[in-house]
Amino acid sequence: MITVKKAEQRHVNGIVKVCSEGNRDTYGITHSTEYIERVIQEFYNPERVLHEVTHTDSGWDGYYVALEEDTVVGAIGGGMIEEDKSEIYVLYLNPNRRGEGIGTKLLQAFTNVQKSKGARQQWLSVSKGNEKGIPFYEARGFQFVSEQKSYASEEDESYVSLRYCRKI
């Protein structure tokens, strides 16, 4: 049985593993290995994840995890970006667990957290060409708003992020 809860220090290595493997699985076809590993090194290293699990502020609500027994099988994180607007910064699953409803459970639980803080809109960015994430988000009411250069893209890279929003 899958349970969703706020991440604790003991979940850090599981978050690192799920986010790193999920990132590689999601972007392995559309992005260079150098880009993928640069993003993983910046965002999904144990020190940063530990800090983000143990410290929250107005722009970061921490990580929430999907657990099967004590194993992290998915993670989501984000925060408030304005008084009534929230953002999902990360949502990854163990690549072998896709299609089981785990992402939906994570999104529902995290949406409830953001709504409790006053969010009426929920934003996210997804890489152009991400045929795993885009259909998932669109099926849950997110609508395309705009394009922008992807975070962590270097000058010679042309990766594009799509901005999506939904009312919650």
N, C-alpha and C. Protein backbone atom coordinates (compact mmCIF):
# COMPACT_ATOMS: atom_id res chain seq x y z
N MET A 1 0.83 -1.18 0.00
CA MET A 1 0.00 0.00 0.00
C MET A 1 0.88 1.25 0.00
N ILE A 2 0.51 2.22 -0.80
CA ILE A 2 1.26 3.47 -0.93
C ILE A 2 0.69 4.49 0.06
N THR A 3 1.60 5.11 0.82
CA THR A 3 1.21 6.22 1.68
C THR A 3 2.02 7.45 1.27
N VAL A 4 1.41 8.62 1.44
CA VAL A 4 2.09 9.88 1.14
C VAL A 4 2.21 10.67 2.43
N LYS A 5 3.41 11.19 2.67
CA LYS A 5 3.65 11.97 3.89
C LYS A 5 4.78 12.96 3.65
N LYS A 6 4.88 13.93 4.57
CA LYS A 6 5.99 14.89 4.51
C LYS A 6 7.28 14.13 4.73
N ALA A 7 8.27 14.43 3.92
CA ALA A 7 9.55 13.72 4.00
C ALA A 7 10.27 14.04 5.30
N GLU A 8 11.01 13.05 5.75
CA GLU A 8 11.85 13.17 6.94
C GLU A 8 13.29 12.89 6.53
N GLN A 9 14.21 13.15 7.46
CA GLN A 9 15.63 12.94 7.16
C GLN A 9 15.90 11.53 6.67
N ARG A 10 15.21 10.55 7.20
CA ARG A 10 15.47 9.17 6.81
C ARG A 10 15.07 8.88 5.37
N HIS A 11 14.36 9.81 4.72
CA HIS A 11 13.93 9.62 3.33
C HIS A 11 14.88 10.26 2.31
N VAL A 12 15.90 10.95 2.78
CA VAL A 12 16.78 11.71 1.88
C VAL A 12 17.37 10.84 0.78
N ASN A 13 17.97 9.71 1.13
CA ASN A 13 18.61 8.87 0.10
C ASN A 13 17.59 8.34 -0.89
N GLY A 14 16.38 8.03 -0.42
CA GLY A 14 15.32 7.58 -1.32
C GLY A 14 14.88 8.68 -2.27
N ILE A 15 14.80 9.91 -1.78
CA ILE A 15 14.45 11.05 -2.64
C ILE A 15 15.53 11.26 -3.70
N VAL A 16 16.78 11.23 -3.28
CA VAL A 16 17.90 11.38 -4.22
C VAL A 16 17.81 10.31 -5.30
N LYS A 17 17.57 9.07 -4.90
CA LYS A 17 17.53 7.96 -5.86
C LYS A 17 16.36 8.11 -6.83
N VAL A 18 15.16 8.36 -6.31
CA VAL A 18 13.97 8.48 -7.16
C VAL A 18 14.10 9.66 -8.11
N CYS A 19 14.55 10.80 -7.61
CA CYS A 19 14.65 11.98 -8.47
C CYS A 19 15.76 11.83 -9.51
N SER A 20 16.87 11.24 -9.14
CA SER A 20 17.96 11.03 -10.09
C SER A 20 17.56 10.03 -11.17
N GLU A 21 17.02 8.89 -10.76
CA GLU A 21 16.61 7.87 -11.73
C GLU A 21 15.46 8.37 -12.59
N GLY A 22 14.51 9.07 -11.98
CA GLY A 22 13.38 9.61 -12.72
C GLY A 22 13.82 10.64 -13.74
N ASN A 23 14.78 11.48 -13.35
CA ASN A 23 15.30 12.49 -14.27
C ASN A 23 15.98 11.83 -15.46
N ARG A 24 16.83 10.87 -15.19
CA ARG A 24 17.52 10.17 -16.29
C ARG A 24 16.53 9.47 -17.21
N ASP A 25 15.53 8.83 -16.63
CA ASP A 25 14.54 8.10 -17.42
C ASP A 25 13.69 9.06 -18.26
N THR A 26 13.32 10.18 -17.68
CA THR A 26 12.45 11.14 -18.36
C THR A 26 13.18 11.86 -19.49
N TYR A 27 14.41 12.28 -19.24
CA TYR A 27 15.10 13.16 -20.20
C TYR A 27 16.19 12.49 -21.00
N GLY A 28 16.39 11.19 -20.82
CA GLY A 28 17.46 10.48 -21.52
C GLY A 28 17.39 10.56 -23.04
N ILE A 29 16.19 10.74 -23.58
CA ILE A 29 16.03 10.81 -25.04
C ILE A 29 16.13 12.25 -25.55
N THR A 30 15.69 13.20 -24.74
CA THR A 30 15.57 14.59 -25.22
C THR A 30 16.71 15.52 -24.79
N HIS A 31 17.49 15.12 -23.80
CA HIS A 31 18.53 15.99 -23.27
C HIS A 31 19.88 15.26 -23.25
N SER A 32 20.95 16.03 -23.30
CA SER A 32 22.28 15.43 -23.26
C SER A 32 22.56 14.87 -21.86
N THR A 33 23.43 13.89 -21.81
CA THR A 33 23.85 13.33 -20.53
C THR A 33 24.48 14.41 -19.67
N GLU A 34 25.24 15.31 -20.28
CA GLU A 34 25.88 16.39 -19.53
C GLU A 34 24.84 17.27 -18.84
N TYR A 35 23.78 17.62 -19.55
CA TYR A 35 22.73 18.45 -18.97
C TYR A 35 22.05 17.71 -17.82
N ILE A 36 21.68 16.46 -18.05
CA ILE A 36 20.99 15.67 -17.04
C ILE A 36 21.84 15.56 -15.77
N GLU A 37 23.08 15.22 -15.93
CA GLU A 37 23.95 15.05 -14.76
C GLU A 37 24.22 16.39 -14.06
N ARG A 38 24.26 17.47 -14.79
CA ARG A 38 24.43 18.81 -14.19
C ARG A 38 23.23 19.13 -13.30
N VAL A 39 22.04 18.86 -13.79
CA VAL A 39 20.82 19.12 -13.01
C VAL A 39 20.77 18.22 -11.78
N ILE A 40 21.07 16.94 -11.96
CA ILE A 40 21.06 16.01 -10.84
C ILE A 40 22.07 16.45 -9.78
N GLN A 41 23.27 16.82 -10.22
CA GLN A 41 24.31 17.25 -9.28
C GLN A 41 23.86 18.48 -8.49
N GLU A 42 23.18 19.41 -9.15
CA GLU A 42 22.76 20.64 -8.48
C GLU A 42 21.58 20.41 -7.53
N PHE A 43 20.58 19.68 -7.97
CA PHE A 43 19.33 19.60 -7.22
C PHE A 43 19.15 18.33 -6.39
N TYR A 44 19.73 17.23 -6.81
CA TYR A 44 19.42 15.95 -6.17
C TYR A 44 20.63 15.33 -5.50
N ASN A 45 21.49 16.17 -4.94
CA ASN A 45 22.60 15.66 -4.15
C ASN A 45 22.13 15.56 -2.68
N PRO A 46 22.67 14.63 -1.93
CA PRO A 46 22.18 14.39 -0.57
C PRO A 46 22.21 15.62 0.34
N GLU A 47 23.23 16.45 0.22
CA GLU A 47 23.32 17.63 1.10
C GLU A 47 22.17 18.61 0.83
N ARG A 48 21.91 18.87 -0.43
CA ARG A 48 20.83 19.80 -0.77
C ARG A 48 19.47 19.23 -0.37
N VAL A 49 19.24 17.96 -0.70
CA VAL A 49 17.96 17.35 -0.36
C VAL A 49 17.76 17.33 1.15
N LEU A 50 18.80 17.02 1.91
CA LEU A 50 18.69 17.05 3.37
C LEU A 50 18.28 18.45 3.84
N HIS A 51 18.92 19.46 3.30
CA HIS A 51 18.57 20.84 3.68
C HIS A 51 17.11 21.13 3.31
N GLU A 52 16.69 20.70 2.15
CA GLU A 52 15.33 20.98 1.70
C GLU A 52 14.28 20.15 2.44
N VAL A 53 14.68 19.03 3.01
CA VAL A 53 13.77 18.24 3.84
C VAL A 53 13.63 18.89 5.23
N THR A 54 14.71 19.44 5.73
CA THR A 54 14.71 19.94 7.11
C THR A 54 14.44 21.44 7.23
N HIS A 55 14.45 22.17 6.12
CA HIS A 55 14.22 23.62 6.16
C HIS A 55 13.14 23.99 5.15
N THR A 56 12.11 24.61 5.63
CA THR A 56 11.08 25.14 4.74
C THR A 56 10.96 26.63 4.99
N ASP A 57 10.49 27.34 3.99
CA ASP A 57 10.26 28.78 4.12
C ASP A 57 9.06 29.12 3.27
N SER A 58 8.83 30.40 3.06
CA SER A 58 7.62 30.81 2.33
C SER A 58 7.62 30.36 0.87
N GLY A 59 8.78 30.08 0.31
CA GLY A 59 8.84 29.66 -1.08
C GLY A 59 9.12 28.18 -1.27
N TRP A 60 9.21 27.43 -0.20
CA TRP A 60 9.51 26.00 -0.29
C TRP A 60 8.78 25.28 0.83
N ASP A 61 7.92 24.36 0.47
CA ASP A 61 7.13 23.59 1.44
C ASP A 61 7.77 22.26 1.79
N GLY A 62 8.95 22.00 1.27
CA GLY A 62 9.62 20.75 1.53
C GLY A 62 9.23 19.68 0.53
N TYR A 63 9.76 18.50 0.77
CA TYR A 63 9.43 17.33 -0.04
C TYR A 63 8.33 16.53 0.65
N TYR A 64 7.50 15.91 -0.17
CA TYR A 64 6.55 14.90 0.28
C TYR A 64 6.91 13.64 -0.49
N VAL A 65 6.76 12.51 0.16
CA VAL A 65 7.17 11.25 -0.46
C VAL A 65 6.02 10.26 -0.51
N ALA A 66 6.05 9.43 -1.54
CA ALA A 66 5.18 8.26 -1.62
C ALA A 66 6.01 7.08 -1.16
N LEU A 67 5.49 6.38 -0.16
CA LEU A 67 6.21 5.27 0.43
C LEU A 67 5.46 3.96 0.24
N GLU A 68 6.22 2.93 -0.07
CA GLU A 68 5.69 1.57 -0.02
C GLU A 68 6.48 0.91 1.09
N GLU A 69 5.79 0.65 2.20
CA GLU A 69 6.45 0.28 3.44
C GLU A 69 7.39 1.43 3.78
N ASP A 70 8.70 1.22 3.78
CA ASP A 70 9.62 2.31 4.11
C ASP A 70 10.45 2.76 2.91
N THR A 71 10.07 2.31 1.72
CA THR A 71 10.82 2.63 0.51
C THR A 71 10.18 3.79 -0.23
N VAL A 72 10.99 4.80 -0.56
CA VAL A 72 10.51 5.94 -1.33
C VAL A 72 10.32 5.50 -2.78
N VAL A 73 9.10 5.63 -3.28
CA VAL A 73 8.81 5.28 -4.67
C VAL A 73 8.41 6.51 -5.49
N GLY A 74 8.30 7.68 -4.83
CA GLY A 74 7.99 8.91 -5.52
C GLY A 74 8.24 10.09 -4.60
N ALA A 75 8.46 11.26 -5.20
CA ALA A 75 8.70 12.48 -4.42
C ALA A 75 8.16 13.68 -5.17
N ILE A 76 7.66 14.65 -4.40
CA ILE A 76 7.16 15.90 -4.96
C ILE A 76 7.61 17.03 -4.04
N GLY A 77 7.85 18.19 -4.62
CA GLY A 77 8.22 19.35 -3.82
C GLY A 77 7.85 20.63 -4.53
N GLY A 78 7.66 21.67 -3.76
CA GLY A 78 7.30 22.97 -4.32
C GLY A 78 7.01 23.95 -3.23
N GLY A 79 6.36 25.04 -3.59
CA GLY A 79 6.04 26.05 -2.59
C GLY A 79 5.18 27.15 -3.16
N MET A 80 4.96 28.16 -2.33
CA MET A 80 4.17 29.32 -2.72
C MET A 80 5.07 30.30 -3.47
N ILE A 81 4.55 30.86 -4.57
CA ILE A 81 5.31 31.85 -5.33
C ILE A 81 4.67 33.23 -5.23
N GLU A 82 3.41 33.28 -4.85
CA GLU A 82 2.70 34.51 -4.55
C GLU A 82 1.64 34.16 -3.52
N GLU A 83 0.93 35.16 -3.06
CA GLU A 83 -0.05 34.93 -1.99
C GLU A 83 -1.05 33.83 -2.34
N ASP A 84 -1.48 33.78 -3.60
CA ASP A 84 -2.49 32.79 -4.00
C ASP A 84 -2.02 31.89 -5.14
N LYS A 85 -0.70 31.83 -5.35
CA LYS A 85 -0.14 31.01 -6.43
C LYS A 85 0.96 30.11 -5.88
N SER A 86 0.89 28.85 -6.30
CA SER A 86 1.89 27.88 -5.86
C SER A 86 2.60 27.29 -7.07
N GLU A 87 3.69 26.62 -6.79
CA GLU A 87 4.50 26.01 -7.85
C GLU A 87 4.90 24.61 -7.42
N ILE A 88 4.85 23.69 -8.36
CA ILE A 88 5.45 22.37 -8.18
C ILE A 88 6.79 22.43 -8.88
N TYR A 89 7.85 22.23 -8.12
CA TYR A 89 9.19 22.30 -8.69
C TYR A 89 9.70 20.93 -9.12
N VAL A 90 9.22 19.89 -8.47
CA VAL A 90 9.74 18.56 -8.76
C VAL A 90 8.65 17.51 -8.49
N LEU A 91 8.54 16.54 -9.38
CA LEU A 91 7.68 15.38 -9.19
C LEU A 91 8.29 14.24 -9.99
N TYR A 92 8.82 13.27 -9.27
CA TYR A 92 9.42 12.10 -9.92
C TYR A 92 8.97 10.83 -9.22
N LEU A 93 8.93 9.76 -10.00
CA LEU A 93 8.62 8.43 -9.49
C LEU A 93 9.76 7.49 -9.84
N ASN A 94 9.82 6.39 -9.12
CA ASN A 94 10.66 5.29 -9.55
C ASN A 94 10.19 4.93 -10.95
N PRO A 95 11.06 4.94 -11.96
CA PRO A 95 10.63 4.69 -13.34
C PRO A 95 9.88 3.36 -13.53
N ASN A 96 10.14 2.40 -12.68
CA ASN A 96 9.46 1.11 -12.80
C ASN A 96 8.08 1.10 -12.17
N ARG A 97 7.67 2.22 -11.57
CA ARG A 97 6.39 2.28 -10.87
C ARG A 97 5.39 3.22 -11.55
N ARG A 98 5.69 3.64 -12.75
CA ARG A 98 4.77 4.52 -13.47
C ARG A 98 3.47 3.78 -13.79
N GLY A 99 2.38 4.54 -13.84
CA GLY A 99 1.10 3.96 -14.22
C GLY A 99 0.34 3.29 -13.08
N GLU A 100 0.82 3.43 -11.86
CA GLU A 100 0.16 2.82 -10.70
C GLU A 100 -0.67 3.81 -9.88
N GLY A 101 -0.71 5.07 -10.30
CA GLY A 101 -1.46 6.08 -9.55
C GLY A 101 -0.65 6.78 -8.47
N ILE A 102 0.63 6.49 -8.40
CA ILE A 102 1.49 7.09 -7.37
C ILE A 102 1.64 8.59 -7.60
N GLY A 103 1.88 8.98 -8.83
CA GLY A 103 2.01 10.40 -9.15
C GLY A 103 0.74 11.17 -8.83
N THR A 104 -0.40 10.57 -9.11
CA THR A 104 -1.68 11.21 -8.81
C THR A 104 -1.85 11.39 -7.31
N LYS A 105 -1.49 10.39 -6.53
CA LYS A 105 -1.58 10.50 -5.06
C LYS A 105 -0.66 11.61 -4.54
N LEU A 106 0.55 11.66 -5.06
CA LEU A 106 1.48 12.72 -4.64
C LEU A 106 0.92 14.09 -4.99
N LEU A 107 0.45 14.23 -6.23
CA LEU A 107 -0.08 15.52 -6.67
C LEU A 107 -1.28 15.94 -5.83
N GLN A 108 -2.19 15.02 -5.55
CA GLN A 108 -3.37 15.35 -4.74
C GLN A 108 -2.98 15.79 -3.34
N ALA A 109 -2.09 15.05 -2.71
CA ALA A 109 -1.67 15.39 -1.35
C ALA A 109 -0.97 16.74 -1.31
N PHE A 110 -0.09 16.98 -2.28
CA PHE A 110 0.66 18.24 -2.28
C PHE A 110 -0.24 19.41 -2.64
N THR A 111 -1.20 19.18 -3.52
CA THR A 111 -2.17 20.22 -3.85
C THR A 111 -2.95 20.63 -2.60
N ASN A 112 -3.32 19.66 -1.77
CA ASN A 112 -4.02 19.98 -0.53
C ASN A 112 -3.16 20.84 0.39
N VAL A 113 -1.86 20.56 0.46
CA VAL A 113 -0.94 21.38 1.26
C VAL A 113 -0.94 22.81 0.73
N GLN A 114 -0.81 22.95 -0.59
CA GLN A 114 -0.73 24.28 -1.18
C GLN A 114 -2.06 25.02 -1.04
N LYS A 115 -3.17 24.34 -1.19
CA LYS A 115 -4.48 24.98 -1.01
C LYS A 115 -4.64 25.46 0.43
N SER A 116 -4.15 24.70 1.39
CA SER A 116 -4.26 25.09 2.80
C SER A 116 -3.46 26.37 3.10
N LYS A 117 -2.52 26.69 2.24
CA LYS A 117 -1.72 27.91 2.39
C LYS A 117 -2.30 29.07 1.58
N GLY A 118 -3.43 28.84 0.93
CA GLY A 118 -4.11 29.90 0.19
C GLY A 118 -3.95 29.86 -1.31
N ALA A 119 -3.30 28.85 -1.84
CA ALA A 119 -3.11 28.77 -3.29
C ALA A 119 -4.43 28.56 -4.00
N ARG A 120 -4.61 29.31 -5.06
CA ARG A 120 -5.78 29.15 -5.93
C ARG A 120 -5.35 28.79 -7.35
N GLN A 121 -4.07 28.97 -7.62
CA GLN A 121 -3.47 28.56 -8.89
C GLN A 121 -2.23 27.73 -8.57
N GLN A 122 -1.99 26.74 -9.44
CA GLN A 122 -0.82 25.89 -9.29
C GLN A 122 -0.07 25.90 -10.61
N TRP A 123 1.21 26.22 -10.53
CA TRP A 123 2.07 26.35 -11.71
C TRP A 123 3.12 25.25 -11.70
N LEU A 124 3.66 24.97 -12.88
CA LEU A 124 4.81 24.07 -13.01
C LEU A 124 5.45 24.29 -14.37
N SER A 125 6.68 23.84 -14.47
CA SER A 125 7.40 23.83 -15.74
C SER A 125 7.71 22.39 -16.10
N VAL A 126 7.59 22.09 -17.37
CA VAL A 126 7.91 20.75 -17.87
C VAL A 126 8.67 20.93 -19.18
N SER A 127 9.68 20.14 -19.37
CA SER A 127 10.49 20.29 -20.58
C SER A 127 9.70 19.94 -21.83
N LYS A 128 9.89 20.76 -22.84
CA LYS A 128 9.28 20.49 -24.14
C LYS A 128 9.77 19.12 -24.60
N GLY A 129 8.85 18.31 -25.08
CA GLY A 129 9.20 16.97 -25.52
C GLY A 129 9.07 15.91 -24.44
N ASN A 130 8.74 16.31 -23.20
CA ASN A 130 8.59 15.35 -22.11
C ASN A 130 7.26 14.63 -22.26
N GLU A 131 7.28 13.53 -22.97
CA GLU A 131 6.05 12.79 -23.27
C GLU A 131 5.57 11.92 -22.11
N LYS A 132 6.27 11.98 -20.99
CA LYS A 132 5.80 11.31 -19.79
C LYS A 132 5.05 12.31 -18.91
N GLY A 133 5.62 13.50 -18.74
CA GLY A 133 5.02 14.50 -17.86
C GLY A 133 3.87 15.27 -18.47
N ILE A 134 4.00 15.70 -19.71
CA ILE A 134 2.98 16.56 -20.32
C ILE A 134 1.60 15.90 -20.32
N PRO A 135 1.44 14.67 -20.79
CA PRO A 135 0.10 14.07 -20.76
C PRO A 135 -0.44 13.90 -19.33
N PHE A 136 0.44 13.59 -18.38
CA PHE A 136 0.04 13.45 -16.99
C PHE A 136 -0.56 14.76 -16.47
N TYR A 137 0.17 15.86 -16.68
CA TYR A 137 -0.30 17.15 -16.18
C TYR A 137 -1.55 17.63 -16.91
N GLU A 138 -1.59 17.47 -18.21
CA GLU A 138 -2.77 17.91 -18.97
C GLU A 138 -4.01 17.12 -18.55
N ALA A 139 -3.86 15.84 -18.26
CA ALA A 139 -5.00 15.03 -17.82
C ALA A 139 -5.53 15.47 -16.45
N ARG A 140 -4.73 16.23 -15.72
CA ARG A 140 -5.12 16.71 -14.40
C ARG A 140 -5.46 18.20 -14.40
N GLY A 141 -5.75 18.71 -15.59
CA GLY A 141 -6.27 20.06 -15.71
C GLY A 141 -5.28 21.17 -15.91
N PHE A 142 -4.00 20.86 -16.01
CA PHE A 142 -3.02 21.91 -16.28
C PHE A 142 -3.13 22.33 -17.74
N GLN A 143 -3.01 23.63 -17.97
CA GLN A 143 -3.10 24.18 -19.32
C GLN A 143 -1.82 24.92 -19.66
N PHE A 144 -1.38 24.73 -20.90
CA PHE A 144 -0.17 25.39 -21.39
C PHE A 144 -0.36 26.91 -21.37
N VAL A 145 0.68 27.63 -20.91
CA VAL A 145 0.64 29.09 -20.84
C VAL A 145 1.72 29.72 -21.72
N SER A 146 2.97 29.24 -21.60
CA SER A 146 4.07 29.88 -22.32
C SER A 146 5.29 28.97 -22.38
N GLU A 147 6.28 29.41 -23.15
CA GLU A 147 7.57 28.73 -23.24
C GLU A 147 8.65 29.64 -22.68
N GLN A 148 9.70 29.03 -22.16
CA GLN A 148 10.87 29.79 -21.72
C GLN A 148 12.10 28.89 -21.80
N LYS A 149 13.27 29.48 -21.78
CA LYS A 149 14.49 28.69 -21.80
C LYS A 149 14.57 27.88 -20.51
N SER A 150 14.95 26.62 -20.63
CA SER A 150 15.01 25.75 -19.46
C SER A 150 16.09 26.20 -18.49
N TYR A 151 15.78 26.06 -17.21
CA TYR A 151 16.75 26.34 -16.16
C TYR A 151 17.95 25.42 -16.34
N ALA A 152 19.10 25.91 -16.06
CA ALA A 152 20.37 25.17 -16.14
C ALA A 152 20.85 24.97 -17.57
N SER A 153 20.13 25.51 -18.55
CA SER A 153 20.63 25.45 -19.93
C SER A 153 21.81 26.38 -20.07
N GLU A 154 22.85 25.87 -20.69
CA GLU A 154 24.00 26.73 -20.96
C GLU A 154 23.76 27.46 -22.28
N GLU A 155 24.59 28.42 -22.57
CA GLU A 155 24.39 29.30 -23.72
C GLU A 155 24.23 28.54 -25.03
N ASP A 156 24.98 27.45 -25.18
CA ASP A 156 24.93 26.70 -26.44
C ASP A 156 23.84 25.62 -26.45
N GLU A 157 23.03 25.55 -25.41
CA GLU A 157 21.94 24.59 -25.35
C GLU A 157 20.61 25.30 -25.60
N SER A 158 19.70 24.61 -26.25
CA SER A 158 18.43 25.24 -26.61
C SER A 158 17.23 24.52 -26.00
N TYR A 159 17.38 24.04 -24.77
CA TYR A 159 16.28 23.34 -24.12
C TYR A 159 15.20 24.35 -23.71
N VAL A 160 13.95 23.94 -23.89
CA VAL A 160 12.81 24.81 -23.63
C VAL A 160 11.92 24.17 -22.58
N SER A 161 11.46 24.99 -21.64
CA SER A 161 10.48 24.56 -20.65
C SER A 161 9.13 25.14 -21.00
N LEU A 162 8.10 24.34 -20.81
CA LEU A 162 6.74 24.78 -21.03
C LEU A 162 6.14 25.11 -19.67
N ARG A 163 5.52 26.28 -19.54
CA ARG A 163 4.87 26.69 -18.31
C ARG A 163 3.40 26.30 -18.38
N TYR A 164 2.96 25.61 -17.35
CA TYR A 164 1.58 25.16 -17.23
C TYR A 164 0.97 25.71 -15.95
N CYS A 165 -0.36 25.86 -15.95
CA CYS A 165 -1.07 26.36 -14.79
C CYS A 165 -2.45 25.70 -14.72
N ARG A 166 -2.95 25.55 -13.50
CA ARG A 166 -4.35 25.13 -13.31
C ARG A 166 -4.91 25.84 -12.08
N LYS A 167 -6.22 25.98 -12.07
CA LYS A 167 -6.91 26.51 -10.90
C LYS A 167 -7.13 25.37 -9.93
N ILE A 168 -6.91 25.67 -8.64
CA ILE A 168 -7.13 24.63 -7.62
C ILE A 168 -8.06 25.14 -6.53
